[in-house]
C-alpha atoms as a PDB file:
ATOM      1  CA  MET A   1    -110.594   7.392 106.935  1.00  0.00           C
ATOM      2  CA  SER A   2    -113.009   9.670 108.779  1.00  0.00           C
ATOM      3  CA  TRP A   3    -115.008   8.693 111.831  1.00  0.00           C
ATOM      4  CA  GLU A   4    -118.181   8.712 109.757  1.00  0.00           C
ATOM      5  CA  GLU A   5    -116.695   6.246 107.272  1.00  0.00           C
ATOM      6  CA  PHE A   6    -115.310   4.061 110.037  1.00  0.00           C
ATOM      7  CA  LEU A   7    -118.644   3.917 111.884  1.00  0.00           C
ATOM      8  CA  TRP A   8    -120.498   3.080 108.664  1.00  0.00           C
ATOM      9  CA  HIS A   9    -118.118   0.206 107.928  1.00  0.00           C
ATOM     10  CA  MET A  10    -118.332  -1.007 111.502  1.00  0.00           C
ATOM     11  CA  ASP A  11    -122.139  -0.904 111.441  1.00  0.00           C
ATOM     12  CA  HIS A  12    -122.578  -2.449 107.983  1.00  0.00           C
ATOM     13  CA  ARG A  13    -119.442  -4.498 107.249  1.00  0.00           C
ATOM     14  CA  LEU A  14    -117.861  -5.407 110.572  1.00  0.00           C
ATOM     15  CA  GLY A  15    -117.442  -9.058 109.614  1.00  0.00           C
ATOM     16  CA  MET A  16    -115.256  -8.096 106.682  1.00  0.00           C
ATOM     17  CA  TYR A  17    -112.697  -6.684 109.127  1.00  0.00           C
ATOM     18  CA  VAL A  18    -112.962  -8.819 112.261  1.00  0.00           C
ATOM     19  CA  GLY A  19    -114.514 -12.124 111.238  1.00  0.00           C
ATOM     20  CA  LYS A  20    -117.750 -12.980 113.004  1.00  0.00           C
ATOM     21  CA  PRO A  21    -119.426  -9.674 113.943  1.00  0.00           C
ATOM     22  CA  ARG A  22    -119.429  -9.466 117.725  1.00  0.00           C
ATOM     23  CA  TYR A  23    -119.849  -6.557 120.101  1.00  0.00           C
ATOM     24  CA  ASP A  24    -116.490  -7.113 121.794  1.00  0.00           C
ATOM     25  CA  ARG A  25    -114.765  -7.122 118.401  1.00  0.00           C
ATOM     26  CA  ALA A  26    -116.554  -3.922 117.398  1.00  0.00           C
ATOM     27  CA  TRP A  27    -115.505  -2.337 120.683  1.00  0.00           C
ATOM     28  CA  SER A  28    -111.895  -3.407 120.058  1.00  0.00           C
ATOM     29  CA  ALA A  29    -112.001  -1.994 116.522  1.00  0.00           C
ATOM     30  CA  LEU A  30    -113.404   1.310 117.771  1.00  0.00           C
ATOM     31  CA  THR A  31    -110.762   1.475 120.498  1.00  0.00           C
ATOM     32  CA  GLY A  32    -107.957   0.726 118.039  1.00  0.00           C
ATOM     33  CA  PHE A  33    -109.169   3.310 115.542  1.00  0.00           C
ATOM     34  CA  ALA A  34    -109.485   5.954 118.257  1.00  0.00           C
ATOM     35  CA  LEU A  35    -106.036   5.227 119.660  1.00  0.00           C
ATOM     36  CA  ALA A  36    -104.466   5.274 116.191  1.00  0.00           C
ATOM     37  CA  ARG A  37    -105.968   8.725 115.594  1.00  0.00           C
ATOM     38  CA  GLY A  38    -104.540   9.962 118.885  1.00  0.00           C
ATOM     39  CA  GLN A  39    -107.081  12.786 119.184  1.00  0.00           C
ATOM     40  CA  GLY A  40    -108.639  11.867 122.541  1.00  0.00           C
ATOM     41  CA  GLU A  41    -112.053  10.866 121.221  1.00  0.00           C
ATOM     42  CA  LEU A  42    -112.215   7.658 123.239  1.00  0.00           C
ATOM     43  CA  ALA A  43    -111.559   9.378 126.570  1.00  0.00           C
ATOM     44  CA  ALA A  44    -114.088  12.081 125.709  1.00  0.00           C
ATOM     45  CA  PHE A  45    -116.658   9.421 124.714  1.00  0.00           C
ATOM     46  CA  GLN A  46    -116.084   7.703 128.060  1.00  0.00           C
ATOM     47  CA  GLU A  47    -116.780  10.968 129.889  1.00  0.00           C
ATOM     48  CA  TRP A  48    -119.836  11.621 127.706  1.00  0.00           C
ATOM     49  CA  MET A  49    -121.281   8.144 128.383  1.00  0.00           C
ATOM     50  CA  SER A  50    -120.578   8.446 132.112  1.00  0.00           C
ATOM     51  CA  ALA A  51    -122.347  11.816 132.193  1.00  0.00           C
ATOM     52  CA  ARG A  52    -125.404  10.283 130.476  1.00  0.00           C
ATOM     53  CA  HIS A  53    -125.616   7.709 133.261  1.00  0.00           C
ATOM     54  CA  ARG A  54    -124.462   9.852 136.168  1.00  0.00           C
ATOM     55  CA  GLY A  55    -125.471   8.329 139.451  1.00  0.00           C
ATOM     56  CA  SER A  56    -127.326   5.424 137.882  1.00  0.00           C
ATOM     57  CA  SER A  57    -124.512   3.018 137.177  1.00  0.00           C
ATOM     58  CA  SER A  58    -120.966   2.042 137.986  1.00  0.00           C
ATOM     59  CA  LEU A  59    -120.610   0.032 134.772  1.00  0.00           C
ATOM     60  CA  ALA A  60    -117.640   0.364 132.441  1.00  0.00           C
ATOM     61  CA  PHE A  61    -118.554   2.662 129.608  1.00  0.00           C
ATOM     62  CA  SER A  62    -118.574  -0.181 127.058  1.00  0.00           C
ATOM     63  CA  SER A  63    -121.277  -1.783 129.223  1.00  0.00           C
ATOM     64  CA  LEU A  64    -123.220   1.476 129.350  1.00  0.00           C
ATOM     65  CA  VAL A  65    -123.856   1.073 125.615  1.00  0.00           C
ATOM     66  CA  LEU A  66    -125.343  -2.352 126.357  1.00  0.00           C
ATOM     67  CA  ALA A  67    -127.476  -0.872 129.144  1.00  0.00           C
ATOM     68  CA  GLU A  68    -128.865   1.688 126.688  1.00  0.00           C
ATOM     69  CA  THR A  69    -129.534  -1.089 124.185  1.00  0.00           C
ATOM     70  CA  PHE A  70    -131.035  -3.800 126.394  1.00  0.00           C
ATOM     71  CA  GLY A  71    -131.811  -2.092 129.705  1.00  0.00           C
ATOM     72  CA  ASP A  72    -130.138  -1.849 133.084  1.00  0.00           C
ATOM     73  CA  GLY A  73    -128.104  -4.843 134.123  1.00  0.00           C
ATOM     74  CA  ALA A  74    -127.249  -5.837 130.556  1.00  0.00           C
ATOM     75  CA  THR A  75    -123.792  -7.323 130.084  1.00  0.00           C
ATOM     76  CA  GLU A  76    -121.991  -9.043 127.245  1.00  0.00           C
ATOM     77  CA  ALA A  77    -123.338 -12.323 128.632  1.00  0.00           C
ATOM     78  CA  ARG A  78    -126.805 -11.006 127.608  1.00  0.00           C
ATOM     79  CA  LEU A  79    -125.781 -11.134 123.944  1.00  0.00           C
ATOM     80  CA  ALA A  80    -127.203 -14.573 123.221  1.00  0.00           C
ATOM     81  CA  SER A  81    -127.788 -14.344 119.472  1.00  0.00           C
ATOM     82  CA  ASP A  82    -126.261 -12.886 116.343  1.00  0.00           C
ATOM     83  CA  ALA A  83    -129.164 -10.418 116.272  1.00  0.00           C
ATOM     84  CA  ASP A  84    -128.255  -9.209 119.789  1.00  0.00           C
ATOM     85  CA  HIS A  85    -124.696  -8.524 118.669  1.00  0.00           C
ATOM     86  CA  VAL A  86    -125.883  -6.695 115.554  1.00  0.00           C
ATOM     87  CA  LEU A  87    -128.201  -4.536 117.663  1.00  0.00           C
ATOM     88  CA  ALA A  88    -125.442  -3.768 120.201  1.00  0.00           C
ATOM     89  CA  VAL A  89    -122.929  -2.860 117.475  1.00  0.00           C
ATOM     90  CA  SER A  90    -125.488  -0.640 115.762  1.00  0.00           C
ATOM     91  CA  LYS A  91    -126.235   1.134 119.063  1.00  0.00           C
ATOM     92  CA  LEU A  92    -122.500   1.618 119.681  1.00  0.00           C
ATOM     93  CA  CYS A  93    -122.146   3.234 116.240  1.00  0.00           C
ATOM     94  CA  GLN A  94    -125.232   5.384 116.803  1.00  0.00           C
ATOM     95  CA  LEU A  95    -124.048   6.609 120.205  1.00  0.00           C
ATOM     96  CA  PHE A  96    -120.513   7.323 119.038  1.00  0.00           C
ATOM     97  CA  GLY A  97    -121.906   9.187 116.022  1.00  0.00           C
ATOM     98  CA  GLU A  98    -124.182  11.216 118.309  1.00  0.00           C
ATOM     99  CA  PHE A  99    -121.217  11.996 120.548  1.00  0.00           C
ATOM    100  CA  LEU A 100    -119.141  13.162 117.560  1.00  0.00           C
ATOM    101  CA  LYS A 101    -121.932  15.443 116.306  1.00  0.00           C
ATOM    102  CA  GLN A 102    -122.350  17.040 119.729  1.00  0.00           C
ATOM    103  CA  HIS A 103    -118.610  17.617 120.021  1.00  0.00           C
ATOM    104  CA  ALA A 104    -118.021  18.792 116.440  1.00  0.00           C
ATOM    105  CA  ARG A 105    -118.244  22.414 117.572  1.00  0.00           C
ATOM    106  CA  THR A 106    -116.123  21.810 120.667  1.00  0.00           C
ATOM    107  CA  PRO A 107    -112.592  20.687 119.893  1.00  0.00           C
ATOM    108  CA  LEU A 108    -111.327  17.761 121.949  1.00  0.00           C
ATOM    109  CA  SER A 109    -108.228  18.135 124.032  1.00  0.00           C
ATOM    110  CA  ALA A 110    -105.126  18.227 121.900  1.00  0.00           C
ATOM    111  CA  PRO A 111    -102.618  15.458 122.523  1.00  0.00           C
ATOM    112  CA  PRO A 112     -99.531  16.538 124.449  1.00  0.00           C
ATOM    113  CA  GLU A 113     -96.619  17.697 122.350  1.00  0.00           C
ATOM    114  CA  ASN A 114     -93.396  15.725 122.652  1.00  0.00           C
END
Protein backbone atom coordinates (compact mmCIF):
# COMPACT_ATOMS: atom_id res chain seq x y z
CA MET A 1 0.00 0.00 0.00
CA SER A 2 1.32 3.45 -0.87
CA TRP A 3 1.39 6.40 1.48
CA GLU A 4 -1.35 8.07 -0.54
CA GLU A 5 -3.63 5.05 -0.14
CA PHE A 6 -2.82 4.74 3.55
CA LEU A 7 -3.55 8.41 4.24
CA TRP A 8 -6.84 8.22 2.32
CA HIS A 9 -7.95 5.20 4.36
CA MET A 10 -6.85 6.85 7.58
CA ASP A 11 -8.73 10.05 6.72
CA HIS A 12 -11.91 8.39 5.43
CA ARG A 13 -12.10 4.92 7.02
CA LEU A 14 -10.04 5.00 10.20
CA GLY A 15 -12.77 3.36 12.26
CA MET A 16 -12.68 0.30 10.03
CA TYR A 17 -9.10 -0.34 11.15
CA VAL A 18 -8.88 0.92 14.73
CA GLY A 19 -12.41 0.99 16.12
CA LYS A 20 -13.61 4.38 17.28
CA PRO A 21 -11.74 7.00 15.21
CA ARG A 22 -9.49 8.90 17.59
CA TYR A 23 -6.45 11.07 17.01
CA ASP A 24 -4.18 8.94 19.20
CA ARG A 25 -5.23 5.83 17.27
CA ALA A 26 -4.58 7.57 13.96
CA TRP A 27 -1.16 8.65 15.22
CA SER A 28 -0.41 5.06 16.27
CA ALA A 29 -1.51 3.74 12.87
CA LEU A 30 0.66 6.28 11.07
CA THR A 31 3.62 5.42 13.29
CA GLY A 32 3.16 1.69 12.72
CA PHE A 33 2.85 2.07 8.96
CA ALA A 34 5.96 4.26 8.82
CA LEU A 35 7.99 1.88 10.95
CA ALA A 36 6.87 -1.13 8.90
CA ARG A 37 8.05 0.63 5.74
CA GLY A 38 11.43 1.31 7.33
CA GLN A 39 12.18 4.24 5.01
CA GLY A 40 12.68 6.98 7.61
CA GLU A 41 9.57 8.99 6.78
CA LEU A 42 8.50 9.38 10.40
CA ALA A 43 11.83 10.84 11.52
CA ALA A 44 11.86 13.17 8.51
CA PHE A 45 8.26 14.25 9.26
CA GLN A 46 9.30 15.01 12.84
CA GLU A 47 12.12 17.23 11.59
CA TRP A 48 9.80 18.88 9.06
CA MET A 49 7.16 19.65 11.73
CA SER A 50 9.80 20.94 14.14
CA ALA A 51 11.18 23.23 11.44
CA ARG A 52 7.68 24.63 10.79
CA HIS A 53 7.44 25.58 14.46
CA ARG A 54 11.06 26.51 15.09
CA GLY A 55 11.39 28.62 18.19
CA SER A 56 7.67 28.76 18.86
CA SER A 57 7.10 25.50 20.66
CA SER A 58 8.68 22.68 22.59
CA LEU A 59 5.74 20.36 21.95
CA ALA A 60 6.14 16.79 20.73
CA PHE A 61 5.61 16.70 17.01
CA SER A 62 2.29 14.83 17.34
CA SER A 63 1.09 17.80 19.41
CA LEU A 64 2.34 20.24 16.78
CA VAL A 65 -0.34 18.86 14.45
CA LEU A 66 -2.93 19.70 17.11
CA ALA A 67 -1.46 23.20 17.50
CA GLU A 68 -1.84 23.75 13.75
CA THR A 69 -5.41 22.46 13.94
CA PHE A 70 -6.71 24.19 17.07
CA GLY A 71 -4.12 26.85 17.91
CA ASP A 72 -1.23 27.14 20.32
CA GLY A 73 -1.60 25.26 23.56
CA ALA A 74 -3.82 22.57 22.05
CA THR A 75 -3.33 19.09 23.47
CA GLU A 76 -5.16 15.80 23.16
CA ALA A 77 -7.21 16.87 26.18
CA ARG A 78 -8.66 19.59 23.87
CA LEU A 79 -10.28 16.91 21.71
CA ALA A 80 -13.67 16.98 23.42
CA SER A 81 -15.91 15.69 20.63
CA ASP A 82 -15.94 13.21 17.79
CA ALA A 83 -15.81 16.18 15.41
CA ASP A 84 -12.59 17.40 17.07
CA HIS A 85 -10.98 14.01 16.52
CA VAL A 86 -12.12 13.91 12.90
CA LEU A 87 -10.67 17.38 12.31
CA ALA A 88 -7.36 16.46 13.99
CA VAL A 89 -7.03 13.22 12.01
CA SER A 90 -7.81 15.04 8.77
CA LYS A 91 -5.17 17.69 9.56
CA LEU A 92 -2.63 14.95 10.35
CA CYS A 93 -3.32 13.34 6.96
CA GLN A 94 -3.13 16.70 5.19
CA LEU A 95 0.18 17.64 6.82
CA PHE A 96 1.77 14.25 6.22
CA GLY A 97 0.60 14.38 2.59
CA GLU A 98 2.08 17.87 2.22
CA PHE A 99 5.34 16.64 3.74
CA LEU A 100 5.47 13.70 1.31
CA LYS A 101 4.87 15.95 -1.71
CA GLN A 102 7.63 18.34 -0.65
CA HIS A 103 10.05 15.46 -0.14
CA ALA A 104 9.12 13.48 -3.26
CA ARG A 105 12.03 15.04 -5.15
CA THR A 106 14.43 14.63 -2.23
CA PRO A 107 15.02 11.02 -1.26
CA LEU A 108 14.88 10.29 2.46
CA SER A 109 17.85 8.78 4.19
CA ALA A 110 18.27 5.15 3.30
CA PRO A 111 18.05 2.71 6.19
CA PRO A 112 21.39 1.29 7.31
CA GLU A 113 22.44 -1.93 5.64
CA ASN A 114 22.93 -4.94 7.88
